[in-house]
Amino acid sequence: MTSASVRTRFGPPSELDERVIGVYCHTVQQGGLRSVRSAAEALGMDVGDVAGAAARLVELGLLRTDPFTEDRLVPVAPRQASAVLTSTVEREIFARRDLIDRLRDRLDRIAVPDPRPAELPVGSVDRISGPAEIRGLLKLTADLCREEVLVLRAGQDGGDALDDFLSLAGGLVRRGTAVRVLGTHLSRAGFADRARTARLVEDGVAVRTVTRLSRTAVVFDRALALVLGDDEDGEPVAWRVREDHVVRFLADLMDQLWDGAAPWTPGEAGYGEAAHDLRYDIARLMAEGHTDDVVARKLGMSVRTCRRHIAALLRSLDASSRFQAGVQAARRLMIEGA
């Protein structure tokens, strides 16, 4: 069966028939597709439909020939498959949204001036809800970006959508777009976080860390910003900001934080250059009289992790009180860092 006949039978490339999805899921469960007839019997489908669905999946890059045995088709990783299955629809949605925004801007420019005092432009800040919409918005905006992407990442704000976006950062760098990511020192602690960051650096992304960041945001070409977070129900939400002064403020803020941040070096153990900054901030908060719970919350870490850092920090100090220990540690660290 040819690719043309498959497209006729299963619709245009942007649509995925239920049968195509069913064959893909069956292949994932079985670990591969060796016999079209056996798959058809298991799924209760026509042999021709299974063959057509398999051809479409190969065309989309969701199935490939097993490189070891070459006698069956095997599925790609589910996360990559999810990106392929949703990206086309997401791009179309946000391409139309962008067209609507551009049309609105043109109409605003040719409209008869309103004699009333000027107000904030309509649509200068838009709220986007839901992980799929946020993921699509990030992808579309990245496609339109040409010069620079700045990422402020506070903890896990942005979740999978931001992780998916950062996985595309290497492609942005290769086409000439500079990408800088500013995260928190805690991202140096976990093995998974270090592995993700190492891949970013290998792809040409510049990465640095600071002790604390209040929000997660992405700035594109210093012209548009996305502020990411969760709503009151814990669902992902993003605010798209197109107000020039606010976007420039976010970009300038990142520049200032970037200058004082600790560079991330591949292969370094633990916190590396960031260890001194983290110990100093813990000591300063202790000297201010904050409890372990408050220190942990301000630094975005668990209370258990915070207490472990405090114990390591105070192990060599001879202090009669927690406050005195904090003052001594802060003073010592300030001298060491001078």
Protein backbone atom coordinates (compact mmCIF):
# COMPACT_ATOMS: atom_id res chain seq x y z
CA MET A 1 0.00 0.00 0.00
CA THR A 2 1.47 3.37 -0.99
CA SER A 3 1.76 6.45 1.22
CA ALA A 4 -0.74 8.25 -1.02
CA SER A 5 -3.35 5.53 -0.55
CA VAL A 6 -2.73 5.53 3.20
CA ARG A 7 -3.32 9.29 3.33
CA THR A 8 -6.55 8.86 1.37
CA ARG A 9 -7.77 6.11 3.66
CA PHE A 10 -6.75 7.63 6.98
CA GLY A 11 -7.11 11.37 6.28
CA PRO A 12 -4.57 14.19 6.10
CA PRO A 13 -1.31 13.97 8.09
CA SER A 14 -2.62 16.33 10.78
CA GLU A 15 -5.37 13.82 11.72
CA LEU A 16 -4.85 10.50 13.45
CA ASP A 17 -7.48 7.81 13.00
CA GLU A 18 -8.54 5.77 16.04
CA ARG A 19 -7.23 2.70 14.24
CA VAL A 20 -3.78 4.25 13.90
CA ILE A 21 -3.67 5.02 17.62
CA GLY A 22 -4.94 1.52 18.41
CA VAL A 23 -2.21 -0.14 16.35
CA TYR A 24 0.42 2.05 18.00
CA CYS A 25 -0.81 1.18 21.52
CA HIS A 26 -0.89 -2.52 20.60
CA THR A 27 2.70 -2.32 19.33
CA VAL A 28 3.83 -0.65 22.56
CA GLN A 29 2.15 -3.36 24.66
CA GLN A 30 3.68 -6.17 22.59
CA GLY A 31 7.09 -4.53 22.33
CA GLY A 32 6.96 -4.65 18.53
CA LEU A 33 4.92 -5.48 15.43
CA ARG A 34 6.12 -8.59 13.58
CA SER A 35 2.89 -9.94 12.03
CA VAL A 36 0.15 -7.70 10.62
CA ARG A 37 -2.25 -10.64 10.56
CA SER A 38 -1.67 -11.46 14.25
CA ALA A 39 -2.15 -7.82 15.19
CA ALA A 40 -5.38 -7.67 13.17
CA GLU A 41 -6.73 -10.73 15.00
CA ALA A 42 -5.77 -9.32 18.40
CA LEU A 43 -7.37 -5.95 17.64
CA GLY A 44 -10.39 -7.28 15.76
CA MET A 45 -9.44 -5.18 12.72
CA ASP A 46 -9.14 -5.77 9.00
CA VAL A 47 -5.63 -6.78 7.89
CA GLY A 48 -5.57 -3.95 5.35
CA ASP A 49 -6.47 -1.42 8.05
CA VAL A 50 -3.64 -2.63 10.29
CA ALA A 51 -1.18 -2.46 7.39
CA GLY A 52 -2.33 1.05 6.52
CA ALA A 53 -2.11 2.18 10.14
CA ALA A 54 1.40 0.73 10.45
CA ALA A 55 2.44 2.56 7.29
CA ARG A 56 1.09 5.83 8.68
CA LEU A 57 2.95 5.30 11.97
CA VAL A 58 6.18 4.68 10.08
CA GLU A 59 5.54 7.83 8.05
CA LEU A 60 5.07 9.83 11.26
CA GLY A 61 8.20 8.35 12.81
CA LEU A 62 6.27 6.60 15.57
CA LEU A 63 7.33 3.13 14.39
CA ARG A 64 10.71 2.14 13.02
CA THR A 65 12.48 -1.03 11.94
CA ASP A 66 14.17 -2.85 14.81
CA PRO A 67 17.87 -2.03 14.25
CA PHE A 68 18.98 -5.33 15.80
CA THR A 69 16.74 -7.94 14.14
CA GLU A 70 15.27 -5.95 11.22
CA ASP A 71 12.31 -8.36 11.24
CA ARG A 72 9.76 -6.22 13.05
CA LEU A 73 8.63 -2.67 13.70
CA VAL A 74 9.26 -1.21 17.16
CA PRO A 75 7.72 1.92 18.73
CA VAL A 76 9.65 5.06 19.61
CA ALA A 77 9.72 6.29 23.22
CA PRO A 78 6.19 7.16 24.49
CA ARG A 79 7.24 10.72 25.47
CA GLN A 80 8.54 11.37 21.96
CA ALA A 81 5.40 9.79 20.52
CA SER A 82 3.23 12.08 22.64
CA ALA A 83 5.06 15.13 21.31
CA VAL A 84 4.57 13.98 17.71
CA LEU A 85 0.90 13.14 18.20
CA THR A 86 0.03 16.51 19.74
CA SER A 87 2.44 18.98 18.15
CA THR A 88 0.64 19.34 14.82
CA VAL A 89 -2.71 20.18 16.39
CA GLU A 90 -1.11 22.45 19.00
CA ARG A 91 0.82 24.38 16.35
CA GLU A 92 -2.34 24.86 14.30
CA ILE A 93 -4.27 26.13 17.33
CA PHE A 94 -1.64 28.66 18.29
CA ALA A 95 -0.91 29.70 14.71
CA ARG A 96 -4.56 30.71 14.46
CA ARG A 97 -4.40 32.40 17.85
CA ASP A 98 -1.36 34.38 16.69
CA LEU A 99 -3.18 35.34 13.48
CA ILE A 100 -6.13 36.60 15.54
CA ASP A 101 -3.79 38.66 17.71
CA ARG A 102 -2.09 40.21 14.68
CA LEU A 103 -5.45 41.04 13.10
CA ARG A 104 -6.61 42.63 16.35
CA ASP A 105 -3.43 44.73 16.52
CA ARG A 106 -3.93 45.94 12.92
CA LEU A 107 -7.55 46.85 13.58
CA ASP A 108 -6.56 48.73 16.73
CA ARG A 109 -4.04 50.79 14.72
CA ILE A 110 -6.56 51.83 12.07
CA ALA A 111 -9.47 52.41 14.46
CA VAL A 112 -10.77 55.95 15.03
CA PRO A 113 -8.96 57.41 18.05
CA ASP A 114 -10.99 57.30 21.25
CA PRO A 115 -11.27 60.74 22.87
CA ARG A 116 -11.19 59.14 26.32
CA PRO A 117 -7.88 58.77 28.22
CA ALA A 118 -5.65 56.02 26.89
CA GLU A 119 -6.03 52.65 28.60
CA LEU A 120 -3.93 49.50 28.70
CA PRO A 121 -4.03 47.87 25.23
CA VAL A 122 -6.56 45.07 24.96
CA GLY A 123 -4.86 41.67 25.05
CA SER A 124 -1.51 42.92 26.39
CA VAL A 125 -1.71 40.11 28.98
CA ASP A 126 -3.48 36.85 28.13
CA ARG A 127 -4.09 33.92 30.47
CA ILE A 128 -3.53 30.45 29.00
CA SER A 129 -4.72 27.40 30.96
CA GLY A 130 -3.94 23.70 30.56
CA PRO A 131 -0.71 21.80 29.89
CA ALA A 132 -1.47 21.12 26.20
CA GLU A 133 -2.17 24.78 25.42
CA ILE A 134 0.90 25.95 27.33
CA ARG A 135 3.07 23.39 25.55
CA GLY A 136 1.72 24.50 22.17
CA LEU A 137 2.21 28.17 23.00
CA LEU A 138 5.84 27.58 23.98
CA LYS A 139 6.52 25.66 20.77
CA LEU A 140 4.89 28.22 18.51
CA THR A 141 6.63 31.17 20.17
CA ALA A 142 9.97 29.36 19.97
CA ASP A 143 9.44 28.84 16.23
CA LEU A 144 8.97 32.59 15.79
CA CYS A 145 11.93 33.53 18.02
CA ARG A 146 15.13 34.46 16.19
CA GLU A 147 17.71 36.07 18.48
CA GLU A 148 17.46 35.15 22.16
CA VAL A 149 15.53 33.06 24.68
CA LEU A 150 15.87 33.77 28.41
CA VAL A 151 14.49 31.25 30.90
CA LEU A 152 13.97 31.90 34.62
CA ARG A 153 13.08 28.59 36.31
CA ALA A 154 11.89 28.57 39.91
CA GLY A 155 11.55 25.00 41.15
CA GLN A 156 9.13 22.85 39.20
CA ASP A 157 6.95 25.69 37.86
CA GLY A 158 6.12 25.00 34.24
CA GLY A 159 6.37 21.23 34.77
CA ASP A 160 6.44 18.93 31.76
CA ALA A 161 5.55 21.73 29.33
CA LEU A 162 8.75 23.63 30.17
CA ASP A 163 10.80 20.40 30.14
CA ASP A 164 9.47 19.62 26.65
CA PHE A 165 10.32 23.15 25.53
CA LEU A 166 13.86 22.93 26.92
CA SER A 167 14.36 19.63 25.10
CA LEU A 168 14.06 21.69 21.88
CA ALA A 169 16.67 24.25 23.01
CA GLY A 170 19.48 22.52 21.13
CA GLY A 171 17.63 23.08 17.86
CA LEU A 172 17.23 26.77 18.68
CA VAL A 173 20.96 27.09 19.39
CA ARG A 174 21.89 25.33 16.15
CA ARG A 175 19.84 27.79 14.11
CA GLY A 176 21.60 30.73 15.78
CA THR A 177 19.25 31.61 18.67
CA ALA A 178 21.07 32.17 21.98
CA VAL A 179 19.47 30.35 24.93
CA ARG A 180 20.21 31.12 28.58
CA VAL A 181 18.64 29.26 31.52
CA LEU A 182 18.79 30.61 35.06
CA GLY A 183 17.69 28.06 37.67
CA THR A 184 18.07 27.55 41.41
CA HIS A 185 20.96 25.90 43.22
CA LEU A 186 18.66 23.05 44.22
CA SER A 187 18.57 21.91 40.59
CA ARG A 188 22.18 20.80 41.11
CA ALA A 189 21.23 18.30 43.82
CA GLY A 190 19.15 15.66 42.04
CA PHE A 191 20.60 13.15 39.61
CA ALA A 192 17.76 13.62 37.09
CA ASP A 193 18.07 17.43 37.23
CA ARG A 194 21.84 17.25 36.71
CA ALA A 195 21.40 14.89 33.76
CA ARG A 196 18.88 17.22 32.09
CA THR A 197 21.12 20.22 32.67
CA ALA A 198 24.15 18.38 31.30
CA ARG A 199 22.23 17.73 28.06
CA LEU A 200 21.32 21.40 27.81
CA VAL A 201 24.95 22.46 28.20
CA GLU A 202 26.05 19.88 25.63
CA ASP A 203 23.50 21.41 23.23
CA GLY A 204 25.07 24.84 23.66
CA VAL A 205 22.68 26.31 26.24
CA ALA A 206 24.25 28.58 28.86
CA VAL A 207 23.14 27.60 32.40
CA ARG A 208 23.67 29.33 35.73
CA THR A 209 22.00 29.08 39.14
CA VAL A 210 21.08 31.34 42.07
CA THR A 211 19.72 30.57 45.52
CA ARG A 212 16.13 31.70 44.97
CA LEU A 213 13.76 32.65 42.16
CA SER A 214 10.19 33.70 42.84
CA ARG A 215 8.59 32.80 39.50
CA THR A 216 9.24 30.91 36.29
CA ALA A 217 9.26 32.93 33.08
CA VAL A 218 10.47 32.69 29.48
CA VAL A 219 11.38 35.82 27.50
CA PHE A 220 11.55 35.64 23.70
CA ASP A 221 13.62 38.22 21.78
CA ARG A 222 12.97 40.70 24.63
CA ALA A 223 9.60 41.31 22.99
CA LEU A 224 7.27 38.73 24.54
CA ALA A 225 7.25 36.91 27.86
CA LEU A 226 5.45 33.90 29.29
CA VAL A 227 5.08 33.73 33.07
CA LEU A 228 4.34 30.18 34.21
CA GLY A 229 2.75 28.84 37.38
CA ASP A 230 -0.32 27.10 38.81
CA ASP A 231 -3.83 28.37 39.49
CA GLU A 232 -5.70 28.01 42.78
CA ASP A 233 -6.59 24.41 41.89
CA GLY A 234 -3.01 23.46 41.14
CA GLU A 235 -3.56 23.37 37.36
CA PRO A 236 -0.82 24.74 35.03
CA VAL A 237 -1.39 28.29 33.83
CA ALA A 238 0.63 30.80 31.80
CA TRP A 239 0.33 34.53 31.30
CA ARG A 240 1.45 35.82 27.90
CA VAL A 241 2.82 39.34 28.31
CA ARG A 242 3.26 41.66 25.34
CA GLU A 243 3.55 44.95 27.21
CA ASP A 244 7.00 46.30 26.26
CA HIS A 245 7.90 47.81 29.65
CA VAL A 246 7.04 44.64 31.58
CA VAL A 247 8.91 42.40 29.13
CA ARG A 248 12.00 44.63 29.24
CA PHE A 249 11.83 44.62 33.05
CA LEU A 250 11.87 40.80 33.12
CA ALA A 251 14.78 40.67 30.67
CA ASP A 252 16.77 43.28 32.63
CA LEU A 253 16.04 41.43 35.87
CA MET A 254 17.44 38.23 34.44
CA ASP A 255 20.54 40.05 33.18
CA GLN A 256 21.20 41.36 36.70
CA LEU A 257 20.65 37.96 38.32
CA TRP A 258 22.76 36.30 35.63
CA ASP A 259 25.81 38.45 36.40
CA GLY A 260 25.89 37.24 40.01
CA ALA A 261 24.87 33.63 39.35
CA ALA A 262 27.07 30.54 39.62
CA PRO A 263 27.98 28.94 36.25
CA TRP A 264 26.98 25.30 35.83
CA THR A 265 29.96 23.12 34.93
CA PRO A 266 29.34 19.64 33.49
CA GLY A 267 30.73 16.84 35.63
CA GLU A 268 30.95 18.83 38.85
CA ALA A 269 29.88 17.02 42.01
CA GLY A 270 27.07 18.29 44.22
CA TYR A 271 26.50 22.03 44.33
CA GLY A 272 29.93 22.96 42.96
CA GLU A 273 30.46 26.71 42.87
CA ALA A 274 26.95 27.27 44.28
CA ALA A 275 27.70 25.62 47.65
CA HIS A 276 29.02 28.84 49.23
CA ASP A 277 25.99 30.89 48.16
CA LEU A 278 23.57 28.29 49.50
CA ARG A 279 25.33 28.03 52.88
CA TYR A 280 25.45 31.81 53.20
CA ASP A 281 21.71 32.21 52.56
CA ILE A 282 20.88 29.48 55.08
CA ALA A 283 23.11 31.14 57.69
CA ARG A 284 21.61 34.58 57.01
CA LEU A 285 18.05 33.28 57.44
CA MET A 286 19.04 31.49 60.65
CA ALA A 287 20.59 34.73 61.96
CA GLU A 288 17.27 36.47 61.28
CA GLY A 289 15.62 34.00 63.65
CA HIS A 290 13.65 31.93 61.14
CA THR A 291 12.67 28.36 61.95
CA ASP A 292 13.74 25.39 59.84
CA ASP A 293 10.30 25.34 58.20
CA VAL A 294 10.55 29.00 57.16
CA VAL A 295 14.14 28.66 55.93
CA ALA A 296 13.15 25.62 53.85
CA ARG A 297 10.13 27.41 52.36
CA LYS A 298 12.11 30.52 51.47
CA LEU A 299 14.79 28.43 49.75
CA GLY A 300 12.30 26.13 48.03
CA MET A 301 13.57 22.90 49.60
CA SER A 302 12.12 20.25 51.87
CA VAL A 303 12.48 20.68 55.64
CA ARG A 304 14.48 17.45 55.77
CA THR A 305 16.95 18.69 53.16
CA CYS A 306 17.16 22.06 54.90
CA ARG A 307 17.98 20.44 58.24
CA ARG A 308 20.67 18.35 56.60
CA HIS A 309 22.31 21.52 55.22
CA ILE A 310 22.02 23.25 58.59
CA ALA A 311 23.61 20.28 60.38
CA ALA A 312 26.50 20.24 57.91
CA LEU A 313 26.91 24.00 58.23
CA LEU A 314 26.97 24.06 62.04
CA ARG A 315 28.93 20.88 62.64
CA SER A 316 32.19 22.73 63.17
CA LEU A 317 30.75 25.79 65.01
CA ASP A 318 30.89 26.25 68.78
CA ALA A 319 27.74 28.30 69.45
CA SER A 320 25.46 28.46 72.50
CA SER A 321 22.29 29.27 70.52
CA ARG A 322 20.80 28.84 67.09
CA PHE A 323 20.87 32.61 66.52
CA GLN A 324 24.53 32.82 67.50
CA ALA A 325 25.32 29.89 65.23
CA GLY A 326 23.62 31.65 62.33
CA VAL A 327 25.49 34.91 62.96
CA GLN A 328 28.85 33.13 63.24
CA ALA A 329 28.22 31.07 60.12
CA ALA A 330 27.07 34.09 58.11
CA ARG A 331 30.09 36.13 59.25
CA ARG A 332 32.52 33.33 58.45
CA LEU A 333 31.01 32.66 55.04
CA MET A 334 31.00 36.37 54.20
CA ILE A 335 34.71 36.58 55.00
CA GLU A 336 35.48 33.41 53.02
CA GLY A 337 33.59 34.74 50.00
CA ALA A 338 35.21 38.17 50.07
